[in-house]
Amino acid sequence: MIVRILAVSLLGWILGFAWFAIFLPQPLDGRKTDAIVVLTGGAGRIDRGLALLEEGAAKRMLISGVDRAVRPVELAAEYKARLSLFTCCITLGREAIDTRSNAIETARWLERRDYQSVRLITTDWHMRRAALELHQALPGRINLVYDAVPSRPSLTILVREYNKYLARRMAALIGI
């Protein structure tokens, strides 16, 4: 009986992993939202957020998880963006150190501004877990849309992220 339970569990993990790896979230169209939230940590995330902000896809942007030593002028230079954009429309979130604290930081930022819709930008393989964390932290009235930055993740990254996703899903089910 134990062997059967383990075999079914392994089969479930394999099928779930296949779904996770094959159907990675995709980039979103240019639809407008009240705000954009970019989670630091992967190539192309900040670039995507800045481009959308420049196009007028949102009023404001939070970059969550920025190191305390980084200044707006340095980010503007690094990403070849106007400093005035950082002054008027971008908040550097310096509280977050992981995905869960990104969600908490984002929820607090959104609540202070009373926004109704937000675009979440992160890497495709990270999107499902980041969205799960954000859904748990946000009030239900906020419409969250996903805008994944395409990547070419290794099998190791996908397995690690899938296991983290499953762990957070189970923790959420028991209320942690």
C-alpha atoms as a PDB file:
ATOM      1  CA  MET A   1       0.000   0.000   0.000  1.00  0.00           C
ATOM      2  CA  ILE A   2       2.830   2.418   0.866  1.00  0.00           C
ATOM      3  CA  VAL A   3       4.538   1.716  -2.459  1.00  0.00           C
ATOM      4  CA  ARG A   4       1.312   2.509  -4.328  1.00  0.00           C
ATOM      5  CA  ILE A   5       0.864   5.773  -2.424  1.00  0.00           C
ATOM      6  CA  LEU A   6       4.453   6.741  -3.199  1.00  0.00           C
ATOM      7  CA  ALA A   7       4.041   5.772  -6.871  1.00  0.00           C
ATOM      8  CA  VAL A   8       0.843   7.825  -7.220  1.00  0.00           C
ATOM      9  CA  SER A   9       2.514  10.756  -5.424  1.00  0.00           C
ATOM     10  CA  LEU A  10       5.524  10.564  -7.749  1.00  0.00           C
ATOM     11  CA  LEU A  11       3.264  10.370 -10.799  1.00  0.00           C
ATOM     12  CA  GLY A  12       1.328  13.393  -9.548  1.00  0.00           C
ATOM     13  CA  TRP A  13       4.566  15.326  -9.011  1.00  0.00           C
ATOM     14  CA  ILE A  14       5.806  14.421 -12.516  1.00  0.00           C
ATOM     15  CA  LEU A  15       2.544  15.421 -14.213  1.00  0.00           C
ATOM     16  CA  GLY A  16       2.382  18.641 -12.203  1.00  0.00           C
ATOM     17  CA  PHE A  17       5.976  19.449 -13.075  1.00  0.00           C
ATOM     18  CA  ALA A  18       5.278  18.829 -16.772  1.00  0.00           C
ATOM     19  CA  TRP A  19       2.362  21.307 -16.605  1.00  0.00           C
ATOM     20  CA  PHE A  20       4.528  23.809 -14.698  1.00  0.00           C
ATOM     21  CA  ALA A  21       7.450  23.601 -17.153  1.00  0.00           C
ATOM     22  CA  ILE A  22       5.541  23.392 -20.439  1.00  0.00           C
ATOM     23  CA  PHE A  23       2.937  26.067 -19.782  1.00  0.00           C
ATOM     24  CA  LEU A  24       5.053  28.877 -18.357  1.00  0.00           C
ATOM     25  CA  PRO A  25       3.196  32.216 -18.082  1.00  0.00           C
ATOM     26  CA  GLN A  26       3.616  34.553 -21.059  1.00  0.00           C
ATOM     27  CA  PRO A  27       4.070  38.313 -21.538  1.00  0.00           C
ATOM     28  CA  LEU A  28       0.893  40.357 -21.384  1.00  0.00           C
ATOM     29  CA  ASP A  29      -0.351  42.819 -23.953  1.00  0.00           C
ATOM     30  CA  GLY A  30      -0.080  46.563 -23.341  1.00  0.00           C
ATOM     31  CA  ARG A  31      -3.379  46.901 -21.445  1.00  0.00           C
ATOM     32  CA  LYS A  32      -3.512  49.622 -18.823  1.00  0.00           C
ATOM     33  CA  THR A  33      -3.471  49.108 -15.071  1.00  0.00           C
ATOM     34  CA  ASP A  34      -3.281  51.581 -12.199  1.00  0.00           C
ATOM     35  CA  ALA A  35       0.192  50.384 -11.230  1.00  0.00           C
ATOM     36  CA  ILE A  36       3.068  48.127 -12.191  1.00  0.00           C
ATOM     37  CA  VAL A  37       5.026  46.039  -9.701  1.00  0.00           C
ATOM     38  CA  VAL A  38       8.414  44.677 -10.719  1.00  0.00           C
ATOM     39  CA  LEU A  39      10.106  42.062  -8.550  1.00  0.00           C
ATOM     40  CA  THR A  40      13.903  42.376  -8.697  1.00  0.00           C
ATOM     41  CA  GLY A  41      16.133  39.403  -9.253  1.00  0.00           C
ATOM     42  CA  GLY A  42      15.939  38.485 -12.922  1.00  0.00           C
ATOM     43  CA  ALA A  43      17.111  39.852 -16.230  1.00  0.00           C
ATOM     44  CA  GLY A  44      14.644  41.914 -18.218  1.00  0.00           C
ATOM     45  CA  ARG A  45      12.183  42.585 -15.389  1.00  0.00           C
ATOM     46  CA  ILE A  46      13.033  46.242 -14.748  1.00  0.00           C
ATOM     47  CA  ASP A  47      13.490  46.870 -18.487  1.00  0.00           C
ATOM     48  CA  ARG A  48       9.972  45.550 -19.117  1.00  0.00           C
ATOM     49  CA  GLY A  49       8.477  47.687 -16.353  1.00  0.00           C
ATOM     50  CA  LEU A  50      10.226  50.860 -17.522  1.00  0.00           C
ATOM     51  CA  ALA A  51       9.126  50.320 -21.123  1.00  0.00           C
ATOM     52  CA  LEU A  52       5.497  49.865 -20.067  1.00  0.00           C
ATOM     53  CA  LEU A  53       5.612  52.908 -17.804  1.00  0.00           C
ATOM     54  CA  GLU A  54       7.056  54.997 -20.643  1.00  0.00           C
ATOM     55  CA  GLU A  55       4.240  53.771 -22.922  1.00  0.00           C
ATOM     56  CA  GLY A  56       1.642  54.908 -20.391  1.00  0.00           C
ATOM     57  CA  ALA A  57       0.456  51.434 -19.410  1.00  0.00           C
ATOM     58  CA  ALA A  58       0.256  52.580 -15.758  1.00  0.00           C
ATOM     59  CA  LYS A  59       0.492  55.689 -13.590  1.00  0.00           C
ATOM     60  CA  ARG A  60       3.107  54.437 -11.126  1.00  0.00           C
ATOM     61  CA  MET A  61       5.564  51.616 -10.625  1.00  0.00           C
ATOM     62  CA  LEU A  62       7.016  49.876  -7.588  1.00  0.00           C
ATOM     63  CA  ILE A  63      10.330  48.096  -7.932  1.00  0.00           C
ATOM     64  CA  SER A  64      10.259  45.696  -4.996  1.00  0.00           C
ATOM     65  CA  GLY A  65      13.409  44.291  -3.421  1.00  0.00           C
ATOM     66  CA  VAL A  66      15.870  47.071  -4.282  1.00  0.00           C
ATOM     67  CA  ASP A  67      19.090  47.113  -2.258  1.00  0.00           C
ATOM     68  CA  ARG A  68      19.233  49.952   0.273  1.00  0.00           C
ATOM     69  CA  ALA A  69      22.462  51.276  -1.250  1.00  0.00           C
ATOM     70  CA  VAL A  70      20.983  51.780  -4.740  1.00  0.00           C
ATOM     71  CA  ARG A  71      19.870  55.306  -5.574  1.00  0.00           C
ATOM     72  CA  PRO A  72      17.332  56.316  -8.246  1.00  0.00           C
ATOM     73  CA  VAL A  73      20.001  58.174 -10.238  1.00  0.00           C
ATOM     74  CA  GLU A  74      22.038  54.951 -10.450  1.00  0.00           C
ATOM     75  CA  LEU A  75      19.065  52.927 -11.676  1.00  0.00           C
ATOM     76  CA  ALA A  76      18.187  55.609 -14.224  1.00  0.00           C
ATOM     77  CA  ALA A  77      21.749  55.491 -15.569  1.00  0.00           C
ATOM     78  CA  GLU A  78      21.891  51.684 -15.544  1.00  0.00           C
ATOM     79  CA  TYR A  79      18.650  51.331 -17.496  1.00  0.00           C
ATOM     80  CA  LYS A  80      19.099  54.451 -19.655  1.00  0.00           C
ATOM     81  CA  ALA A  81      15.833  55.924 -18.359  1.00  0.00           C
ATOM     82  CA  ARG A  82      14.930  59.514 -17.616  1.00  0.00           C
ATOM     83  CA  LEU A  83      15.650  60.479 -14.007  1.00  0.00           C
ATOM     84  CA  SER A  84      12.392  62.448 -14.035  1.00  0.00           C
ATOM     85  CA  LEU A  85      10.553  59.141 -14.502  1.00  0.00           C
ATOM     86  CA  PHE A  86      12.103  57.863 -11.280  1.00  0.00           C
ATOM     87  CA  THR A  87      11.249  61.112  -9.511  1.00  0.00           C
ATOM     88  CA  CYS A  88       7.589  61.258 -10.521  1.00  0.00           C
ATOM     89  CA  CYS A  89       6.445  57.741 -11.036  1.00  0.00           C
ATOM     90  CA  ILE A  90       8.716  55.072  -9.540  1.00  0.00           C
ATOM     91  CA  THR A  91       8.982  53.933  -5.942  1.00  0.00           C
ATOM     92  CA  LEU A  92      11.975  51.864  -4.897  1.00  0.00           C
ATOM     93  CA  GLY A  93      10.849  49.252  -2.395  1.00  0.00           C
ATOM     94  CA  ARG A  94      13.691  48.409  -0.049  1.00  0.00           C
ATOM     95  CA  GLU A  95      11.946  46.158   2.485  1.00  0.00           C
ATOM     96  CA  ALA A  96      11.720  42.873   0.580  1.00  0.00           C
ATOM     97  CA  ILE A  97      14.355  40.153   0.683  1.00  0.00           C
ATOM     98  CA  ASP A  98      12.379  37.257  -0.816  1.00  0.00           C
ATOM     99  CA  THR A  99       9.199  36.541  -2.748  1.00  0.00           C
ATOM    100  CA  ARG A 100       6.981  36.490   0.326  1.00  0.00           C
ATOM    101  CA  SER A 101       8.257  39.854   1.561  1.00  0.00           C
ATOM    102  CA  ASN A 102       7.891  41.207  -2.015  1.00  0.00           C
ATOM    103  CA  ALA A 103       4.193  40.408  -1.721  1.00  0.00           C
ATOM    104  CA  ILE A 104       3.865  42.074   1.685  1.00  0.00           C
ATOM    105  CA  GLU A 105       5.750  45.164   0.521  1.00  0.00           C
ATOM    106  CA  THR A 106       3.608  45.352  -2.620  1.00  0.00           C
ATOM    107  CA  ALA A 107       0.332  44.954  -0.701  1.00  0.00           C
ATOM    108  CA  ARG A 108       1.264  47.791   1.662  1.00  0.00           C
ATOM    109  CA  TRP A 109       2.288  50.041  -1.228  1.00  0.00           C
ATOM    110  CA  LEU A 110      -0.955  49.355  -3.121  1.00  0.00           C
ATOM    111  CA  GLU A 111      -3.165  49.851  -0.065  1.00  0.00           C
ATOM    112  CA  ARG A 112      -1.646  53.288   0.636  1.00  0.00           C
ATOM    113  CA  ARG A 113      -2.509  54.376  -2.905  1.00  0.00           C
ATOM    114  CA  ASP A 114      -5.940  52.763  -3.190  1.00  0.00           C
ATOM    115  CA  TYR A 115      -5.231  51.269  -6.620  1.00  0.00           C
ATOM    116  CA  GLN A 116      -7.722  48.854  -8.162  1.00  0.00           C
ATOM    117  CA  SER A 117      -5.486  47.064 -10.688  1.00  0.00           C
ATOM    118  CA  VAL A 118      -1.827  46.082 -10.827  1.00  0.00           C
ATOM    119  CA  ARG A 119       0.434  44.403 -13.353  1.00  0.00           C
ATOM    120  CA  LEU A 120       2.939  41.973 -11.809  1.00  0.00           C
ATOM    121  CA  ILE A 121       6.205  41.653 -13.710  1.00  0.00           C
ATOM    122  CA  THR A 122       8.614  38.841 -12.955  1.00  0.00           C
ATOM    123  CA  THR A 123      10.340  36.033 -14.839  1.00  0.00           C
ATOM    124  CA  ASP A 124       8.117  33.344 -16.387  1.00  0.00           C
ATOM    125  CA  TRP A 125       9.335  30.520 -14.122  1.00  0.00           C
ATOM    126  CA  HIS A 126       8.845  32.697 -11.001  1.00  0.00           C
ATOM    127  CA  MET A 127       5.383  34.047 -11.877  1.00  0.00           C
ATOM    128  CA  ARG A 128       3.167  31.340 -10.388  1.00  0.00           C
ATOM    129  CA  ARG A 129       4.740  31.467  -6.932  1.00  0.00           C
ATOM    130  CA  ALA A 130       4.989  35.266  -6.956  1.00  0.00           C
ATOM    131  CA  ALA A 131       1.310  35.532  -7.950  1.00  0.00           C
ATOM    132  CA  LEU A 132       0.322  33.057  -5.235  1.00  0.00           C
ATOM    133  CA  GLU A 133       2.167  35.085  -2.597  1.00  0.00           C
ATOM    134  CA  LEU A 134       0.682  38.336  -3.877  1.00  0.00           C
ATOM    135  CA  HIS A 135      -2.863  36.947  -3.949  1.00  0.00           C
ATOM    136  CA  GLN A 136      -2.473  35.938  -0.319  1.00  0.00           C
ATOM    137  CA  ALA A 137      -1.233  39.403   0.698  1.00  0.00           C
ATOM    138  CA  LEU A 138      -3.600  41.560  -1.369  1.00  0.00           C
ATOM    139  CA  PRO A 139      -7.177  42.441  -0.538  1.00  0.00           C
ATOM    140  CA  GLY A 140      -9.653  40.790  -2.909  1.00  0.00           C
ATOM    141  CA  ARG A 141     -10.720  44.079  -4.513  1.00  0.00           C
ATOM    142  CA  ILE A 142      -7.422  44.511  -6.401  1.00  0.00           C
ATOM    143  CA  ASN A 143      -7.302  43.055  -9.912  1.00  0.00           C
ATOM    144  CA  LEU A 144      -3.922  41.412 -10.490  1.00  0.00           C
ATOM    145  CA  VAL A 145      -2.677  40.702 -14.024  1.00  0.00           C
ATOM    146  CA  TYR A 146       0.473  38.764 -14.865  1.00  0.00           C
ATOM    147  CA  ASP A 147       3.167  39.911 -17.253  1.00  0.00           C
ATOM    148  CA  ALA A 148       5.917  37.309 -17.439  1.00  0.00           C
ATOM    149  CA  VAL A 149       9.371  38.063 -18.787  1.00  0.00           C
ATOM    150  CA  PRO A 150      10.371  35.154 -21.053  1.00  0.00           C
ATOM    151  CA  SER A 151      13.520  33.254 -20.139  1.00  0.00           C
ATOM    152  CA  ARG A 152      15.304  30.011 -20.811  1.00  0.00           C
ATOM    153  CA  PRO A 153      15.366  28.383 -17.382  1.00  0.00           C
ATOM    154  CA  SER A 154      17.491  25.351 -16.723  1.00  0.00           C
ATOM    155  CA  LEU A 155      15.933  22.099 -15.537  1.00  0.00           C
ATOM    156  CA  THR A 156      17.458  22.757 -12.110  1.00  0.00           C
ATOM    157  CA  ILE A 157      15.767  26.155 -11.826  1.00  0.00           C
ATOM    158  CA  LEU A 158      12.422  24.701 -12.912  1.00  0.00           C
ATOM    159  CA  VAL A 159      12.593  21.804 -10.446  1.00  0.00           C
ATOM    160  CA  ARG A 160      13.621  24.098  -7.590  1.00  0.00           C
ATOM    161  CA  GLU A 161      10.900  26.636  -8.377  1.00  0.00           C
ATOM    162  CA  TYR A 162       8.235  23.940  -8.791  1.00  0.00           C
ATOM    163  CA  ASN A 163       9.124  22.481  -5.392  1.00  0.00           C
ATOM    164  CA  LYS A 164       8.972  25.961  -3.805  1.00  0.00           C
ATOM    165  CA  TYR A 165       5.618  26.537  -5.478  1.00  0.00           C
ATOM    166  CA  LEU A 166       4.248  23.244  -4.133  1.00  0.00           C
ATOM    167  CA  ALA A 167       5.559  24.006  -0.641  1.00  0.00           C
ATOM    168  CA  ARG A 168       3.907  27.435  -0.630  1.00  0.00           C
ATOM    169  CA  ARG A 169       0.667  25.940  -1.974  1.00  0.00           C
ATOM    170  CA  MET A 170       0.622  23.402   0.862  1.00  0.00           C
ATOM    171  CA  ALA A 171       1.480  26.072   3.422  1.00  0.00           C
ATOM    172  CA  ALA A 172      -1.353  28.227   2.105  1.00  0.00           C
ATOM    173  CA  LEU A 173      -3.780  25.312   2.421  1.00  0.00           C
ATOM    174  CA  ILE A 174      -3.000  24.955   6.112  1.00  0.00           C
ATOM    175  CA  GLY A 175      -3.047  28.699   6.669  1.00  0.00           C
ATOM    176  CA  ILE A 176       0.634  29.543   6.950  1.00  0.00           C
END
